[in-house]
PDB file of N, CA and C in Angstrom:
ATOM      1  N   MET A   1     126.076 120.102 135.760  1.00  0.00           N
ATOM      2  CA  MET A   1     126.173 118.702 136.526  1.00  0.00           C
ATOM      3  C   MET A   1     124.851 118.720 136.648  1.00  0.00           C
ATOM      4  N   SER A   2     124.518 116.860 136.221  1.00  0.00           N
ATOM      5  CA  SER A   2     123.202 116.687 136.175  1.00  0.00           C
ATOM      6  C   SER A   2     122.545 116.152 137.309  1.00  0.00           C
ATOM      7  N   GLU A   3     120.870 116.253 137.532  1.00  0.00           N
ATOM      8  CA  GLU A   3     120.555 115.766 138.611  1.00  0.00           C
ATOM      9  C   GLU A   3     120.791 114.857 139.302  1.00  0.00           C
ATOM     10  N   PRO A   4     120.901 114.318 140.261  1.00  0.00           N
ATOM     11  CA  PRO A   4     121.220 112.681 140.763  1.00  0.00           C
ATOM     12  C   PRO A   4     120.031 111.640 140.208  1.00  0.00           C
ATOM     13  N   TYR A   5     120.053 110.700 140.265  1.00  0.00           N
ATOM     14  CA  TYR A   5     118.955 109.653 139.603  1.00  0.00           C
ATOM     15  C   TYR A   5     118.504 109.425 140.995  1.00  0.00           C
ATOM     16  N   LYS A   6     116.928 109.002 140.842  1.00  0.00           N
ATOM     17  CA  LYS A   6     115.630 109.036 141.621  1.00  0.00           C
ATOM     18  C   LYS A   6     115.577 107.551 141.480  1.00  0.00           C
ATOM     19  N   ILE A   7     114.810 106.940 143.240  1.00  0.00           N
ATOM     20  CA  ILE A   7     114.001 106.084 143.084  1.00  0.00           C
ATOM     21  C   ILE A   7     112.541 105.797 143.257  1.00  0.00           C
ATOM     22  N   TRP A   8     112.016 105.025 142.865  1.00  0.00           N
ATOM     23  CA  TRP A   8     110.398 105.558 143.033  1.00  0.00           C
ATOM     24  C   TRP A   8     109.818 103.889 143.265  1.00  0.00           C
ATOM     25  N   GLN A   9     108.662 103.944 144.335  1.00  0.00           N
ATOM     26  CA  GLN A   9     108.233 102.733 144.892  1.00  0.00           C
ATOM     27  C   GLN A   9     107.015 102.668 144.889  1.00  0.00           C
ATOM     28  N   CYS A  10     106.534 101.542 144.395  1.00  0.00           N
ATOM     29  CA  CYS A  10     104.891 101.381 144.549  1.00  0.00           C
ATOM     30  C   CYS A  10     104.532 101.305 145.650  1.00  0.00           C
ATOM     31  N   ARG A  11     103.396 101.768 145.707  1.00  0.00           N
ATOM     32  CA  ARG A  11     102.476 101.739 147.226  1.00  0.00           C
ATOM     33  C   ARG A  11     101.952 100.414 147.320  1.00  0.00           C
ATOM     34  N   THR A  12     101.722 100.084 146.410  1.00  0.00           N
ATOM     35  CA  THR A  12     100.712  98.880 146.673  1.00  0.00           C
ATOM     36  C   THR A  12     101.822  97.209 146.858  1.00  0.00           C
ATOM     37  N   CYS A  13     102.711  97.498 146.074  1.00  0.00           N
ATOM     38  CA  CYS A  13     103.489  95.914 146.303  1.00  0.00           C
ATOM     39  C   CYS A  13     104.904  96.275 146.370  1.00  0.00           C
ATOM     40  N   GLY A  14     105.288  97.294 146.065  1.00  0.00           N
ATOM     41  CA  GLY A  14     106.999  97.680 146.752  1.00  0.00           C
ATOM     42  C   GLY A  14     107.778  97.581 145.338  1.00  0.00           C
ATOM     43  N   TYR A  15     107.312  97.495 144.617  1.00  0.00           N
ATOM     44  CA  TYR A  15     108.010  97.380 143.250  1.00  0.00           C
ATOM     45  C   TYR A  15     109.289  98.544 143.272  1.00  0.00           C
ATOM     46  N   ILE A  16     110.087  98.349 143.050  1.00  0.00           N
ATOM     47  CA  ILE A  16     111.203  99.249 142.876  1.00  0.00           C
ATOM     48  C   ILE A  16     111.638  99.975 141.366  1.00  0.00           C
ATOM     49  N   TYR A  17     111.649 101.297 141.003  1.00  0.00           N
ATOM     50  CA  TYR A  17     112.168 101.556 139.753  1.00  0.00           C
ATOM     51  C   TYR A  17     113.209 102.403 140.118  1.00  0.00           C
ATOM     52  N   GLU A  18     114.170 102.070 139.762  1.00  0.00           N
ATOM     53  CA  GLU A  18     115.734 103.289 139.762  1.00  0.00           C
ATOM     54  C   GLU A  18     115.976 103.862 138.524  1.00  0.00           C
ATOM     55  N   GLU A  19     116.015 104.950 138.458  1.00  0.00           N
ATOM     56  CA  GLU A  19     116.215 105.879 137.218  1.00  0.00           C
ATOM     57  C   GLU A  19     117.562 105.751 136.211  1.00  0.00           C
ATOM     58  N   ALA A  20     118.622 104.776 137.319  1.00  0.00           N
ATOM     59  CA  ALA A  20     119.838 104.832 136.764  1.00  0.00           C
ATOM     60  C   ALA A  20     119.634 103.566 136.006  1.00  0.00           C
ATOM     61  N   LEU A  21     119.081 102.624 136.562  1.00  0.00           N
ATOM     62  CA  LEU A  21     119.051 101.003 136.071  1.00  0.00           C
ATOM     63  C   LEU A  21     117.631 101.018 134.947  1.00  0.00           C
ATOM     64  N   GLY A  22     116.666 101.617 135.091  1.00  0.00           N
ATOM     65  CA  GLY A  22     115.679 101.671 134.189  1.00  0.00           C
ATOM     66  C   GLY A  22     114.930 100.034 134.415  1.00  0.00           C
ATOM     67  N   ASP A  23     114.039  99.507 133.299  1.00  0.00           N
ATOM     68  CA  ASP A  23     113.870  98.392 133.524  1.00  0.00           C
ATOM     69  C   ASP A  23     113.453  98.002 131.891  1.00  0.00           C
ATOM     70  N   PRO A  24     114.848  97.505 131.410  1.00  0.00           N
ATOM     71  CA  PRO A  24     114.589  96.611 130.087  1.00  0.00           C
ATOM     72  C   PRO A  24     113.900  95.999 129.882  1.00  0.00           C
ATOM     73  N   ASN A  25     113.414  95.100 130.734  1.00  0.00           N
ATOM     74  CA  ASN A  25     111.777  94.246 130.699  1.00  0.00           C
ATOM     75  C   ASN A  25     110.451  95.105 130.168  1.00  0.00           C
ATOM     76  N   GLU A  26     110.418  96.441 130.565  1.00  0.00           N
ATOM     77  CA  GLU A  26     109.602  96.989 130.172  1.00  0.00           C
ATOM     78  C   GLU A  26     109.868  98.154 129.491  1.00  0.00           C
ATOM     79  N   GLY A  27     110.794  97.811 128.713  1.00  0.00           N
ATOM     80  CA  GLY A  27     111.258  98.931 127.691  1.00  0.00           C
ATOM     81  C   GLY A  27     111.628 100.140 127.796  1.00  0.00           C
ATOM     82  N   LEU A  28     112.320 100.265 129.299  1.00  0.00           N
ATOM     83  CA  LEU A  28     112.491 101.516 129.918  1.00  0.00           C
ATOM     84  C   LEU A  28     114.266 101.470 130.312  1.00  0.00           C
ATOM     85  N   ALA A  29     115.096 102.154 129.015  1.00  0.00           N
ATOM     86  CA  ALA A  29     116.563 101.960 128.905  1.00  0.00           C
ATOM     87  C   ALA A  29     116.962 102.445 130.370  1.00  0.00           C
ATOM     88  N   PRO A  30     117.961 102.187 130.867  1.00  0.00           N
ATOM     89  CA  PRO A  30     118.973 102.659 131.921  1.00  0.00           C
ATOM     90  C   PRO A  30     119.066 104.425 131.564  1.00  0.00           C
ATOM     91  N   GLY A  31     118.586 105.055 132.893  1.00  0.00           N
ATOM     92  CA  GLY A  31     118.642 106.216 132.765  1.00  0.00           C
ATOM     93  C   GLY A  31     117.452 107.290 132.287  1.00  0.00           C
ATOM     94  N   THR A  32     116.602 106.079 132.286  1.00  0.00           N
ATOM     95  CA  THR A  32     115.117 107.118 131.935  1.00  0.00           C
ATOM     96  C   THR A  32     114.753 107.501 133.474  1.00  0.00           C
ATOM     97  N   ARG A  33     114.614 108.856 132.708  1.00  0.00           N
ATOM     98  CA  ARG A  33     113.811 109.827 134.388  1.00  0.00           C
ATOM     99  C   ARG A  33     112.787 109.426 134.289  1.00  0.00           C
ATOM    100  N   TRP A  34     112.183 109.413 135.672  1.00  0.00           N
ATOM    101  CA  TRP A  34     110.754 109.198 136.185  1.00  0.00           C
ATOM    102  C   TRP A  34     109.714 110.255 135.048  1.00  0.00           C
ATOM    103  N   ALA A  35     110.035 111.069 135.102  1.00  0.00           N
ATOM    104  CA  ALA A  35     109.543 112.562 134.366  1.00  0.00           C
ATOM    105  C   ALA A  35     109.493 111.600 132.390  1.00  0.00           C
ATOM    106  N   ASP A  36     110.167 111.181 132.437  1.00  0.00           N
ATOM    107  CA  ASP A  36     109.795 110.707 130.763  1.00  0.00           C
ATOM    108  C   ASP A  36     109.175 109.403 130.866  1.00  0.00           C
ATOM    109  N   ILE A  37     108.753 108.691 131.823  1.00  0.00           N
ATOM    110  CA  ILE A  37     107.759 107.616 131.306  1.00  0.00           C
ATOM    111  C   ILE A  37     106.508 107.885 131.386  1.00  0.00           C
ATOM    112  N   PRO A  38     106.021 107.501 130.523  1.00  0.00           N
ATOM    113  CA  PRO A  38     104.426 107.781 130.202  1.00  0.00           C
ATOM    114  C   PRO A  38     103.333 108.063 131.155  1.00  0.00           C
ATOM    115  N   ASP A  39     102.558 109.192 131.544  1.00  0.00           N
ATOM    116  CA  ASP A  39     101.615 109.030 132.889  1.00  0.00           C
ATOM    117  C   ASP A  39     100.722 107.903 132.593  1.00  0.00           C
ATOM    118  N   ASP A  40     100.679 106.836 131.526  1.00  0.00           N
ATOM    119  CA  ASP A  40      99.690 105.563 131.747  1.00  0.00           C
ATOM    120  C   ASP A  40     100.638 104.697 131.689  1.00  0.00           C
ATOM    121  N   TRP A  41     101.780 104.844 132.027  1.00  0.00           N
ATOM    122  CA  TRP A  41     102.454 103.506 133.119  1.00  0.00           C
ATOM    123  C   TRP A  41     102.304 103.007 133.651  1.00  0.00           C
ATOM    124  N   ILE A  42     102.041 101.270 134.102  1.00  0.00           N
ATOM    125  CA  ILE A  42     101.520 101.045 135.219  1.00  0.00           C
ATOM    126  C   ILE A  42     102.517 100.040 135.706  1.00  0.00           C
ATOM    127  N   CYS A  43     102.577  99.874 136.970  1.00  0.00           N
ATOM    128  CA  CYS A  43     103.516  98.879 137.906  1.00  0.00           C
ATOM    129  C   CYS A  43     103.620  97.520 137.331  1.00  0.00           C
ATOM    130  N   PRO A  44     104.646  97.070 136.885  1.00  0.00           N
ATOM    131  CA  PRO A  44     104.666  95.873 136.291  1.00  0.00           C
ATOM    132  C   PRO A  44     104.398  94.509 136.667  1.00  0.00           C
ATOM    133  N   LEU A  45     104.381  94.772 137.984  1.00  0.00           N
ATOM    134  CA  LEU A  45     104.042  93.447 139.333  1.00  0.00           C
ATOM    135  C   LEU A  45     102.778  93.603 139.660  1.00  0.00           C
ATOM    136  N   CYS A  46     101.912  94.608 139.782  1.00  0.00           N
ATOM    137  CA  CYS A  46     100.291  94.615 139.891  1.00  0.00           C
ATOM    138  C   CYS A  46      99.565  95.505 139.640  1.00  0.00           C
ATOM    139  N   GLY A  47     100.074  96.307 138.592  1.00  0.00           N
ATOM    140  CA  GLY A  47      99.068  96.930 137.778  1.00  0.00           C
ATOM    141  C   GLY A  47      98.699  99.080 138.513  1.00  0.00           C
ATOM    142  N   THR A  48      99.293  98.727 139.509  1.00  0.00           N
ATOM    143  CA  THR A  48      99.027 100.104 140.322  1.00  0.00           C
ATOM    144  C   THR A  48      99.703 101.163 139.223  1.00  0.00           C
ATOM    145  N   PRO A  49      98.452 102.528 139.033  1.00  0.00           N
ATOM    146  CA  PRO A  49      99.371 103.215 137.845  1.00  0.00           C
ATOM    147  C   PRO A  49     100.911 104.277 138.556  1.00  0.00           C
ATOM    148  N   LYS A  50     101.166 104.757 137.745  1.00  0.00           N
ATOM    149  CA  LYS A  50     102.129 105.666 138.222  1.00  0.00           C
ATOM    150  C   LYS A  50     102.388 106.404 139.174  1.00  0.00           C
ATOM    151  N   SER A  51     100.686 107.254 139.134  1.00  0.00           N
ATOM    152  CA  SER A  51     100.619 107.727 140.145  1.00  0.00           C
ATOM    153  C   SER A  51     100.514 107.835 141.851  1.00  0.00           C
ATOM    154  N   ASP A  52     100.433 106.407 142.090  1.00  0.00           N
ATOM    155  CA  ASP A  52     100.736 105.934 143.010  1.00  0.00           C
ATOM    156  C   ASP A  52     102.209 105.165 143.818  1.00  0.00           C
ATOM    157  N   PHE A  53     103.031 106.116 142.985  1.00  0.00           N
ATOM    158  CA  PHE A  53     104.439 105.581 143.530  1.00  0.00           C
ATOM    159  C   PHE A  53     105.212 106.538 144.351  1.00  0.00           C
ATOM    160  N   ASP A  54     105.650 106.368 145.070  1.00  0.00           N
ATOM    161  CA  ASP A  54     106.490 107.462 145.848  1.00  0.00           C
ATOM    162  C   ASP A  54     108.293 107.453 145.867  1.00  0.00           C
ATOM    163  N   MET A  55     108.719 108.839 145.900  1.00  0.00           N
ATOM    164  CA  MET A  55     109.988 108.595 145.704  1.00  0.00           C
ATOM    165  C   MET A  55     110.214 108.427 146.891  1.00  0.00           C
ATOM    166  N   ILE A  56     111.614 107.677 147.115  1.00  0.00           N
ATOM    167  CA  ILE A  56     112.212 106.736 148.235  1.00  0.00           C
ATOM    168  C   ILE A  56     113.757 107.836 148.246  1.00  0.00           C
ATOM    169  N   GLU A  57     114.387 107.406 149.486  1.00  0.00           N
ATOM    170  CA  GLU A  57     115.270 108.123 149.789  1.00  0.00           C
ATOM    171  C   GLU A  57     116.009 106.618 150.545  1.00  0.00           C
ATOM    172  N   LEU A  58     117.305 106.294 149.885  1.00  0.00           N
ATOM    173  CA  LEU A  58     117.980 105.009 150.232  1.00  0.00           C
ATOM    174  C   LEU A  58     119.552 105.347 151.189  1.00  0.00           C
TER     175      LEU A  58
END
């Protein structure tokens, strides 16, 4: 059984990245895991680094 998809939120602007949905506008296909996104990726809304995102529970 695969690990459930997670949701990550930018601490600066509140942008939400959902692994299940990805972000096709940013070249991230649905199902792209957070760990598979390059470490130099930045928030598409405010430019905050990936390290400043928190996993959230909905």
